[in-house]
Amino acid sequence: MNTSHSRSLSPSDSAKPWWSFGMVWMIISGPAVVVVAAFVTLYLAITIPDPVLPTEVLNPRNAIENQTKLDEAMAPAMQARNHAATGVVPHKQDKK
């Protein structure tokens, strides 16, 4: 008869309200912290908006020059993408 380790619920344990148990508050606190963090993030997003960065130069004459620079900068990436897709190694072209 090992009665020292067995524990039965006493009438006082079952009469306790749900909010008196610590485990309940530990379970509730996780989602509550997430909701508070979401409202803090929303507040920060509304009060401190990110600035809009210009994607084109205001002078239209420089837009063509900038597009050619962008095309030249993207050339190695395009060659690598094409090589990965087709398996054909691109030939080097000499600049004159």
PDB file of N, CA and C in Angstrom:
ATOM      1  N   MET A   1       0.815  -1.171   0.000  1.00  0.00           N
ATOM      2  CA  MET A   1       0.000   0.000   0.000  1.00  0.00           C
ATOM      3  C   MET A   1       0.869   1.248   0.000  1.00  0.00           C
ATOM      4  N   ASN A   2       0.992   1.758  -1.159  1.00  0.00           N
ATOM      5  CA  ASN A   2       1.822   2.943  -1.335  1.00  0.00           C
ATOM      6  C   ASN A   2       0.907   4.157  -1.466  1.00  0.00           C
ATOM      7  N   THR A   3       0.509   4.712  -0.376  1.00  0.00           N
ATOM      8  CA  THR A   3      -0.423   5.848  -0.398  1.00  0.00           C
ATOM      9  C   THR A   3       0.288   7.185  -0.296  1.00  0.00           C
ATOM     10  N   SER A   4       1.597   7.185  -0.085  1.00  0.00           N
ATOM     11  CA  SER A   4       2.305   8.458   0.079  1.00  0.00           C
ATOM     12  C   SER A   4       2.462   9.195  -1.252  1.00  0.00           C
ATOM     13  N   HIS A   5       2.496   8.451  -2.375  1.00  0.00           N
ATOM     14  CA  HIS A   5       2.689   9.088  -3.668  1.00  0.00           C
ATOM     15  C   HIS A   5       1.388   9.350  -4.410  1.00  0.00           C
ATOM     16  N   SER A   6       0.333   8.729  -4.026  1.00  0.00           N
ATOM     17  CA  SER A   6      -0.925   8.948  -4.732  1.00  0.00           C
ATOM     18  C   SER A   6      -1.641  10.138  -4.102  1.00  0.00           C
ATOM     19  N   ARG A   7      -2.259  10.922  -4.942  1.00  0.00           N
ATOM     20  CA  ARG A   7      -2.946  12.118  -4.464  1.00  0.00           C
ATOM     21  C   ARG A   7      -4.293  12.182  -5.150  1.00  0.00           C
ATOM     22  N   SER A   8      -5.303  12.345  -4.387  1.00  0.00           N
ATOM     23  CA  SER A   8      -6.621  12.509  -4.969  1.00  0.00           C
ATOM     24  C   SER A   8      -7.050  13.957  -4.802  1.00  0.00           C
ATOM     25  N   LEU A   9      -7.940  14.380  -5.653  1.00  0.00           N
ATOM     26  CA  LEU A   9      -8.430  15.747  -5.565  1.00  0.00           C
ATOM     27  C   LEU A   9      -9.314  15.907  -4.333  1.00  0.00           C
ATOM     28  N   SER A  10      -8.983  16.892  -3.586  1.00  0.00           N
ATOM     29  CA  SER A  10      -9.823  17.167  -2.420  1.00  0.00           C
ATOM     30  C   SER A  10     -10.950  18.092  -2.858  1.00  0.00           C
ATOM     31  N   PRO A  11     -11.995  18.189  -2.102  1.00  0.00           N
ATOM     32  CA  PRO A  11     -13.098  19.085  -2.469  1.00  0.00           C
ATOM     33  C   PRO A  11     -12.654  20.536  -2.588  1.00  0.00           C
ATOM     34  N   SER A  12     -11.629  20.929  -1.862  1.00  0.00           N
ATOM     35  CA  SER A  12     -11.182  22.322  -1.941  1.00  0.00           C
ATOM     36  C   SER A  12     -10.478  22.596  -3.270  1.00  0.00           C
ATOM     37  N   ASP A  13      -9.798  21.580  -3.865  1.00  0.00           N
ATOM     38  CA  ASP A  13      -9.142  21.759  -5.162  1.00  0.00           C
ATOM     39  C   ASP A  13     -10.155  21.916  -6.287  1.00  0.00           C
ATOM     40  N   SER A  14     -11.219  21.172  -6.269  1.00  0.00           N
ATOM     41  CA  SER A  14     -12.186  21.245  -7.353  1.00  0.00           C
ATOM     42  C   SER A  14     -13.081  22.473  -7.225  1.00  0.00           C
ATOM     43  N   ALA A  15     -13.121  23.089  -6.065  1.00  0.00           N
ATOM     44  CA  ALA A  15     -13.961  24.264  -5.874  1.00  0.00           C
ATOM     45  C   ALA A  15     -13.236  25.547  -6.239  1.00  0.00           C
ATOM     46  N   LYS A  16     -11.946  25.480  -6.546  1.00  0.00           N
ATOM     47  CA  LYS A  16     -11.193  26.694  -6.902  1.00  0.00           C
ATOM     48  C   LYS A  16     -11.640  27.192  -8.267  1.00  0.00           C
ATOM     49  N   PRO A  17     -11.698  28.513  -8.448  1.00  0.00           N
ATOM     50  CA  PRO A  17     -12.031  29.052  -9.782  1.00  0.00           C
ATOM     51  C   PRO A  17     -10.846  28.853 -10.733  1.00  0.00           C
ATOM     52  N   TRP A  18     -11.126  28.930 -12.022  1.00  0.00           N
ATOM     53  CA  TRP A  18     -10.101  28.645 -13.024  1.00  0.00           C
ATOM     54  C   TRP A  18      -8.964  29.646 -12.994  1.00  0.00           C
ATOM     55  N   TRP A  19      -9.203  30.869 -12.609  1.00  0.00           N
ATOM     56  CA  TRP A  19      -8.154  31.890 -12.643  1.00  0.00           C
ATOM     57  C   TRP A  19      -7.176  31.772 -11.473  1.00  0.00           C
ATOM     58  N   SER A  20      -7.435  30.890 -10.563  1.00  0.00           N
ATOM     59  CA  SER A  20      -6.525  30.735  -9.430  1.00  0.00           C
ATOM     60  C   SER A  20      -5.382  29.759  -9.717  1.00  0.00           C
ATOM     61  N   PHE A  21      -5.418  29.099 -10.872  1.00  0.00           N
ATOM     62  CA  PHE A  21      -4.360  28.164 -11.231  1.00  0.00           C
ATOM     63  C   PHE A  21      -3.304  28.890 -12.076  1.00  0.00           C
ATOM     64  N   GLY A  22      -2.047  28.736 -11.707  1.00  0.00           N
ATOM     65  CA  GLY A  22      -0.943  29.406 -12.397  1.00  0.00           C
ATOM     66  C   GLY A  22      -0.745  28.932 -13.822  1.00  0.00           C
ATOM     67  N   MET A  23      -1.017  27.667 -14.094  1.00  0.00           N
ATOM     68  CA  MET A  23      -0.830  27.123 -15.438  1.00  0.00           C
ATOM     69  C   MET A  23      -1.752  27.803 -16.453  1.00  0.00           C
ATOM     70  N   VAL A  24      -2.926  28.187 -16.040  1.00  0.00           N
ATOM     71  CA  VAL A  24      -3.873  28.873 -16.927  1.00  0.00           C
ATOM     72  C   VAL A  24      -3.278  30.192 -17.384  1.00  0.00           C
ATOM     73  N   TRP A  25      -2.680  30.946 -16.467  1.00  0.00           N
ATOM     74  CA  TRP A  25      -2.117  32.246 -16.823  1.00  0.00           C
ATOM     75  C   TRP A  25      -0.872  32.095 -17.679  1.00  0.00           C
ATOM     76  N   MET A  26      -0.133  31.025 -17.484  1.00  0.00           N
ATOM     77  CA  MET A  26       1.024  30.788 -18.338  1.00  0.00           C
ATOM     78  C   MET A  26       0.575  30.503 -19.774  1.00  0.00           C
ATOM     79  N   ILE A  27      -0.497  29.772 -19.944  1.00  0.00           N
ATOM     80  CA  ILE A  27      -1.012  29.452 -21.277  1.00  0.00           C
ATOM     81  C   ILE A  27      -1.628  30.698 -21.924  1.00  0.00           C
ATOM     82  N   ILE A  28      -2.339  31.502 -21.158  1.00  0.00           N
ATOM     83  CA  ILE A  28      -2.973  32.711 -21.694  1.00  0.00           C
ATOM     84  C   ILE A  28      -1.938  33.780 -22.034  1.00  0.00           C
ATOM     85  N   SER A  29      -0.833  33.828 -21.298  1.00  0.00           N
ATOM     86  CA  SER A  29       0.142  34.902 -21.492  1.00  0.00           C
ATOM     87  C   SER A  29       0.830  34.843 -22.855  1.00  0.00           C
ATOM     88  N   GLY A  30       1.020  33.674 -23.429  1.00  0.00           N
ATOM     89  CA  GLY A  30       1.678  33.568 -24.745  1.00  0.00           C
ATOM     90  C   GLY A  30       0.924  34.307 -25.833  1.00  0.00           C
ATOM     91  N   PRO A  31      -0.330  33.957 -26.095  1.00  0.00           N
ATOM     92  CA  PRO A  31      -1.082  34.691 -27.112  1.00  0.00           C
ATOM     93  C   PRO A  31      -1.306  36.161 -26.741  1.00  0.00           C
ATOM     94  N   ALA A  32      -1.408  36.463 -25.463  1.00  0.00           N
ATOM     95  CA  ALA A  32      -1.603  37.862 -25.057  1.00  0.00           C
ATOM     96  C   ALA A  32      -0.380  38.702 -25.401  1.00  0.00           C
ATOM     97  N   VAL A  33       0.799  38.161 -25.213  1.00  0.00           N
ATOM     98  CA  VAL A  33       2.025  38.882 -25.571  1.00  0.00           C
ATOM     99  C   VAL A  33       2.090  39.102 -27.078  1.00  0.00           C
ATOM    100  N   VAL A  34       1.669  38.131 -27.859  1.00  0.00           N
ATOM    101  CA  VAL A  34       1.679  38.264 -29.320  1.00  0.00           C
ATOM    102  C   VAL A  34       0.710  39.358 -29.768  1.00  0.00           C
ATOM    103  N   VAL A  35      -0.458  39.437 -29.161  1.00  0.00           N
ATOM    104  CA  VAL A  35      -1.439  40.471 -29.518  1.00  0.00           C
ATOM    105  C   VAL A  35      -0.896  41.850 -29.169  1.00  0.00           C
ATOM    106  N   VAL A  36      -0.287  41.996 -28.012  1.00  0.00           N
ATOM    107  CA  VAL A  36       0.291  43.287 -27.625  1.00  0.00           C
ATOM    108  C   VAL A  36       1.411  43.673 -28.588  1.00  0.00           C
ATOM    109  N   ALA A  37       2.262  42.723 -28.952  1.00  0.00           N
ATOM    110  CA  ALA A  37       3.349  43.000 -29.899  1.00  0.00           C
ATOM    111  C   ALA A  37       2.801  43.402 -31.264  1.00  0.00           C
ATOM    112  N   ALA A  38       1.694  42.829 -31.679  1.00  0.00           N
ATOM    113  CA  ALA A  38       1.089  43.200 -32.967  1.00  0.00           C
ATOM    114  C   ALA A  38       0.593  44.639 -32.932  1.00  0.00           C
ATOM    115  N   PHE A  39      -0.015  45.044 -31.821  1.00  0.00           N
ATOM    116  CA  PHE A  39      -0.473  46.429 -31.720  1.00  0.00           C
ATOM    117  C   PHE A  39       0.696  47.404 -31.644  1.00  0.00           C
ATOM    118  N   VAL A  40       1.775  47.034 -30.986  1.00  0.00           N
ATOM    119  CA  VAL A  40       2.965  47.890 -30.954  1.00  0.00           C
ATOM    120  C   VAL A  40       3.546  48.029 -32.359  1.00  0.00           C
ATOM    121  N   THR A  41       3.604  46.938 -33.091  1.00  0.00           N
ATOM    122  CA  THR A  41       4.103  46.982 -34.473  1.00  0.00           C
ATOM    123  C   THR A  41       3.199  47.835 -35.355  1.00  0.00           C
ATOM    124  N   LEU A  42       1.895  47.714 -35.192  1.00  0.00           N
ATOM    125  CA  LEU A  42       0.965  48.544 -35.954  1.00  0.00           C
ATOM    126  C   LEU A  42       1.161  50.015 -35.628  1.00  0.00           C
ATOM    127  N   TYR A  43       1.325  50.347 -34.367  1.00  0.00           N
ATOM    128  CA  TYR A  43       1.543  51.737 -33.963  1.00  0.00           C
ATOM    129  C   TYR A  43       2.823  52.283 -34.598  1.00  0.00           C
ATOM    130  N   LEU A  44       3.895  51.496 -34.548  1.00  0.00           N
ATOM    131  CA  LEU A  44       5.150  51.947 -35.146  1.00  0.00           C
ATOM    132  C   LEU A  44       5.034  52.101 -36.661  1.00  0.00           C
ATOM    133  N   ALA A  45       4.311  51.217 -37.308  1.00  0.00           N
ATOM    134  CA  ALA A  45       4.152  51.294 -38.765  1.00  0.00           C
ATOM    135  C   ALA A  45       3.345  52.516 -39.170  1.00  0.00           C
ATOM    136  N   ILE A  46       2.380  52.896 -38.358  1.00  0.00           N
ATOM    137  CA  ILE A  46       1.548  54.058 -38.696  1.00  0.00           C
ATOM    138  C   ILE A  46       2.270  55.366 -38.380  1.00  0.00           C
ATOM    139  N   THR A  47       2.956  55.432 -37.263  1.00  0.00           N
ATOM    140  CA  THR A  47       3.565  56.695 -36.850  1.00  0.00           C
ATOM    141  C   THR A  47       4.905  56.968 -37.515  1.00  0.00           C
ATOM    142  N   ILE A  48       5.639  55.945 -37.912  1.00  0.00           N
ATOM    143  CA  ILE A  48       6.953  56.135 -38.536  1.00  0.00           C
ATOM    144  C   ILE A  48       6.956  55.441 -39.893  1.00  0.00           C
ATOM    145  N   PRO A  49       6.357  56.053 -40.916  1.00  0.00           N
ATOM    146  CA  PRO A  49       6.325  55.391 -42.230  1.00  0.00           C
ATOM    147  C   PRO A  49       7.708  55.418 -42.894  1.00  0.00           C
ATOM    148  N   ASP A  50       7.962  54.424 -43.692  1.00  0.00           N
ATOM    149  CA  ASP A  50       9.214  54.383 -44.440  1.00  0.00           C
ATOM    150  C   ASP A  50       9.163  55.417 -45.554  1.00  0.00           C
ATOM    151  N   PRO A  51      10.281  56.100 -45.811  1.00  0.00           N
ATOM    152  CA  PRO A  51      10.284  57.064 -46.913  1.00  0.00           C
ATOM    153  C   PRO A  51      10.258  56.341 -48.261  1.00  0.00           C
ATOM    154  N   VAL A  52       9.629  56.964 -49.223  1.00  0.00           N
ATOM    155  CA  VAL A  52       9.579  56.408 -50.569  1.00  0.00           C
ATOM    156  C   VAL A  52      10.854  56.827 -51.285  1.00  0.00           C
ATOM    157  N   LEU A  53      11.603  55.870 -51.763  1.00  0.00           N
ATOM    158  CA  LEU A  53      12.849  56.154 -52.453  1.00  0.00           C
ATOM    159  C   LEU A  53      12.582  56.281 -53.945  1.00  0.00           C
ATOM    160  N   PRO A  54      13.199  57.263 -54.588  1.00  0.00           N
ATOM    161  CA  PRO A  54      12.983  57.411 -56.035  1.00  0.00           C
ATOM    162  C   PRO A  54      13.674  56.283 -56.792  1.00  0.00           C
ATOM    163  N   THR A  55      12.988  55.758 -57.789  1.00  0.00           N
ATOM    164  CA  THR A  55      13.575  54.689 -58.589  1.00  0.00           C
ATOM    165  C   THR A  55      14.152  55.210 -59.896  1.00  0.00           C
ATOM    166  N   GLU A  56      13.760  56.389 -60.299  1.00  0.00           N
ATOM    167  CA  GLU A  56      14.280  56.978 -61.526  1.00  0.00           C
ATOM    168  C   GLU A  56      14.811  58.366 -61.212  1.00  0.00           C
ATOM    169  N   VAL A  57      15.744  58.788 -61.996  1.00  0.00           N
ATOM    170  CA  VAL A  57      16.285  60.132 -61.858  1.00  0.00           C
ATOM    171  C   VAL A  57      15.246  61.112 -62.372  1.00  0.00           C
ATOM    172  N   LEU A  58      15.182  62.272 -61.740  1.00  0.00           N
ATOM    173  CA  LEU A  58      14.166  63.238 -62.132  1.00  0.00           C
ATOM    174  C   LEU A  58      14.395  63.780 -63.540  1.00  0.00           C
ATOM    175  N   ASN A  59      15.632  63.813 -63.995  1.00  0.00           N
ATOM    176  CA  ASN A  59      15.930  64.317 -65.323  1.00  0.00           C
ATOM    177  C   ASN A  59      15.697  63.199 -66.343  1.00  0.00           C
ATOM    178  N   PRO A  60      14.756  63.358 -67.274  1.00  0.00           N
ATOM    179  CA  PRO A  60      14.466  62.275 -68.227  1.00  0.00           C
ATOM    180  C   PRO A  60      15.627  61.963 -69.162  1.00  0.00           C
ATOM    181  N   ARG A  61      16.545  62.907 -69.382  1.00  0.00           N
ATOM    182  CA  ARG A  61      17.675  62.635 -70.267  1.00  0.00           C
ATOM    183  C   ARG A  61      18.621  61.604 -69.638  1.00  0.00           C
ATOM    184  N   ASN A  62      18.669  61.544 -68.318  1.00  0.00           N
ATOM    185  CA  ASN A  62      19.550  60.588 -67.655  1.00  0.00           C
ATOM    186  C   ASN A  62      18.905  59.216 -67.519  1.00  0.00           C
ATOM    187  N   ALA A  63      17.618  59.107 -67.763  1.00  0.00           N
ATOM    188  CA  ALA A  63      16.923  57.830 -67.599  1.00  0.00           C
ATOM    189  C   ALA A  63      17.453  56.787 -68.574  1.00  0.00           C
ATOM    190  N   ILE A  64      17.741  57.177 -69.816  1.00  0.00           N
ATOM    191  CA  ILE A  64      18.272  56.238 -70.805  1.00  0.00           C
ATOM    192  C   ILE A  64      19.671  55.793 -70.398  1.00  0.00           C
ATOM    193  N   GLU A  65      20.479  56.732 -69.933  1.00  0.00           N
ATOM    194  CA  GLU A  65      21.836  56.396 -69.500  1.00  0.00           C
ATOM    195  C   GLU A  65      21.795  55.462 -68.288  1.00  0.00           C
ATOM    196  N   ASN A  66      20.894  55.735 -67.377  1.00  0.00           N
ATOM    197  CA  ASN A  66      20.779  54.880 -66.197  1.00  0.00           C
ATOM    198  C   ASN A  66      20.278  53.483 -66.569  1.00  0.00           C
ATOM    199  N   GLN A  67      19.406  53.380 -67.550  1.00  0.00           N
ATOM    200  CA  GLN A  67      18.902  52.080 -67.969  1.00  0.00           C
ATOM    201  C   GLN A  67      20.018  51.254 -68.597  1.00  0.00           C
ATOM    202  N   THR A  68      20.889  51.875 -69.386  1.00  0.00           N
ATOM    203  CA  THR A  68      22.003  51.123 -69.973  1.00  0.00           C
ATOM    204  C   THR A  68      22.979  50.677 -68.882  1.00  0.00           C
ATOM    205  N   LYS A  69      23.191  51.515 -67.866  1.00  0.00           N
ATOM    206  CA  LYS A  69      24.053  51.107 -66.755  1.00  0.00           C
ATOM    207  C   LYS A  69      23.436  49.940 -66.000  1.00  0.00           C
ATOM    208  N   LEU A  70      22.134  49.974 -65.829  1.00  0.00           N
ATOM    209  CA  LEU A  70      21.447  48.878 -65.144  1.00  0.00           C
ATOM    210  C   LEU A  70      21.542  47.596 -65.964  1.00  0.00           C
ATOM    211  N   ASP A  71      21.367  47.704 -67.265  1.00  0.00           N
ATOM    212  CA  ASP A  71      21.488  46.516 -68.126  1.00  0.00           C
ATOM    213  C   ASP A  71      22.894  45.925 -68.059  1.00  0.00           C
ATOM    214  N   GLU A  72      23.919  46.784 -68.055  1.00  0.00           N
ATOM    215  CA  GLU A  72      25.295  46.306 -67.956  1.00  0.00           C
ATOM    216  C   GLU A  72      25.549  45.643 -66.609  1.00  0.00           C
ATOM    217  N   ALA A  73      24.985  46.197 -65.558  1.00  0.00           N
ATOM    218  CA  ALA A  73      25.185  45.625 -64.224  1.00  0.00           C
ATOM    219  C   ALA A  73      24.477  44.281 -64.090  1.00  0.00           C
ATOM    220  N   MET A  74      23.352  44.110 -64.768  1.00  0.00           N
ATOM    221  CA  MET A  74      22.593  42.871 -64.668  1.00  0.00           C
ATOM    222  C   MET A  74      23.090  41.790 -65.623  1.00  0.00           C
ATOM    223  N   ALA A  75      24.018  42.113 -66.514  1.00  0.00           N
ATOM    224  CA  ALA A  75      24.478  41.148 -67.515  1.00  0.00           C
ATOM    225  C   ALA A  75      25.045  39.874 -66.899  1.00  0.00           C
ATOM    226  N   PRO A  76      25.917  39.942 -65.881  1.00  0.00           N
ATOM    227  CA  PRO A  76      26.418  38.675 -65.308  1.00  0.00           C
ATOM    228  C   PRO A  76      25.301  37.822 -64.700  1.00  0.00           C
ATOM    229  N   ALA A  77      24.327  38.457 -64.100  1.00  0.00           N
ATOM    230  CA  ALA A  77      23.219  37.705 -63.508  1.00  0.00           C
ATOM    231  C   ALA A  77      22.382  37.041 -64.604  1.00  0.00           C
ATOM    232  N   MET A  78      22.159  37.753 -65.691  1.00  0.00           N
ATOM    233  CA  MET A  78      21.387  37.184 -66.794  1.00  0.00           C
ATOM    234  C   MET A  78      22.140  36.014 -67.422  1.00  0.00           C
ATOM    235  N   GLN A  79      23.464  36.150 -67.562  1.00  0.00           N
ATOM    236  CA  GLN A  79      24.253  35.060 -68.134  1.00  0.00           C
ATOM    237  C   GLN A  79      24.203  33.835 -67.222  1.00  0.00           C
ATOM    238  N   ALA A  80      24.299  34.054 -65.929  1.00  0.00           N
ATOM    239  CA  ALA A  80      24.254  32.924 -65.002  1.00  0.00           C
ATOM    240  C   ALA A  80      22.886  32.258 -65.026  1.00  0.00           C
ATOM    241  N   ARG A  81      21.833  33.054 -65.118  1.00  0.00           N
ATOM    242  CA  ARG A  81      20.491  32.479 -65.172  1.00  0.00           C
ATOM    243  C   ARG A  81      20.319  31.666 -66.444  1.00  0.00           C
ATOM    244  N   ASN A  82      20.773  32.213 -67.561  1.00  0.00           N
ATOM    245  CA  ASN A  82      20.636  31.505 -68.826  1.00  0.00           C
ATOM    246  C   ASN A  82      21.487  30.234 -68.834  1.00  0.00           C
ATOM    247  N   HIS A  83      22.673  30.303 -68.216  1.00  0.00           N
ATOM    248  CA  HIS A  83      23.535  29.126 -68.164  1.00  0.00           C
ATOM    249  C   HIS A  83      22.888  28.043 -67.301  1.00  0.00           C
ATOM    250  N   ALA A  84      22.268  28.442 -66.200  1.00  0.00           N
ATOM    251  CA  ALA A  84      21.617  27.470 -65.323  1.00  0.00           C
ATOM    252  C   ALA A  84      20.414  26.833 -66.008  1.00  0.00           C
ATOM    253  N   ALA A  85      19.727  27.603 -66.844  1.00  0.00           N
ATOM    254  CA  ALA A  85      18.522  27.089 -67.492  1.00  0.00           C
ATOM    255  C   ALA A  85      18.842  26.211 -68.700  1.00  0.00           C
ATOM    256  N   THR A  86      19.880  26.569 -69.458  1.00  0.00           N
ATOM    257  CA  THR A  86      20.144  25.854 -70.702  1.00  0.00           C
ATOM    258  C   THR A  86      21.383  24.972 -70.649  1.00  0.00           C
ATOM    259  N   GLY A  87      22.333  25.305 -69.775  1.00  0.00           N
ATOM    260  CA  GLY A  87      23.578  24.547 -69.719  1.00  0.00           C
ATOM    261  C   GLY A  87      24.602  24.999 -70.732  1.00  0.00           C
ATOM    262  N   VAL A  88      24.306  26.044 -71.494  1.00  0.00           N
ATOM    263  CA  VAL A  88      25.222  26.569 -72.496  1.00  0.00           C
ATOM    264  C   VAL A  88      26.070  27.659 -71.855  1.00  0.00           C
ATOM    265  N   VAL A  89      27.394  27.528 -71.980  1.00  0.00           N
ATOM    266  CA  VAL A  89      28.295  28.530 -71.419  1.00  0.00           C
ATOM    267  C   VAL A  89      28.357  29.708 -72.380  1.00  0.00           C
ATOM    268  N   PRO A  90      28.112  30.932 -71.885  1.00  0.00           N
ATOM    269  CA  PRO A  90      28.154  32.093 -72.790  1.00  0.00           C
ATOM    270  C   PRO A  90      29.594  32.417 -73.187  1.00  0.00           C
ATOM    271  N   HIS A  91      29.748  32.937 -74.406  1.00  0.00           N
ATOM    272  CA  HIS A  91      31.064  33.336 -74.906  1.00  0.00           C
ATOM    273  C   HIS A  91      31.368  34.721 -74.423  1.00  0.00           C
ATOM    274  N   LYS A  92      32.657  34.962 -74.106  1.00  0.00           N
ATOM    275  CA  LYS A  92      33.055  36.294 -73.680  1.00  0.00           C
ATOM    276  C   LYS A  92      33.119  37.191 -74.910  1.00  0.00           C
ATOM    277  N   GLN A  93      32.626  38.399 -74.728  1.00  0.00           N
ATOM    278  CA  GLN A  93      32.679  39.374 -75.805  1.00  0.00           C
ATOM    279  C   GLN A  93      33.680  40.449 -75.416  1.00  0.00           C
ATOM    280  N   ASP A  94      34.543  40.831 -76.353  1.00  0.00           N
ATOM    281  CA  ASP A  94      35.533  41.875 -76.072  1.00  0.00           C
ATOM    282  C   ASP A  94      34.870  43.229 -76.244  1.00  0.00           C
ATOM    283  N   LYS A  95      35.138  44.112 -75.287  1.00  0.00           N
ATOM    284  CA  LYS A  95      34.616  45.483 -75.412  1.00  0.00           C
ATOM    285  C   LYS A  95      35.609  46.291 -76.224  1.00  0.00           C
ATOM    286  N   LYS A  96      35.074  47.093 -77.102  1.00  0.00           N
ATOM    287  CA  LYS A  96      35.947  47.917 -77.952  1.00  0.00           C
ATOM    288  C   LYS A  96      35.727  49.361 -77.641  1.00  0.00           C
TER     289      LYS A  96
END
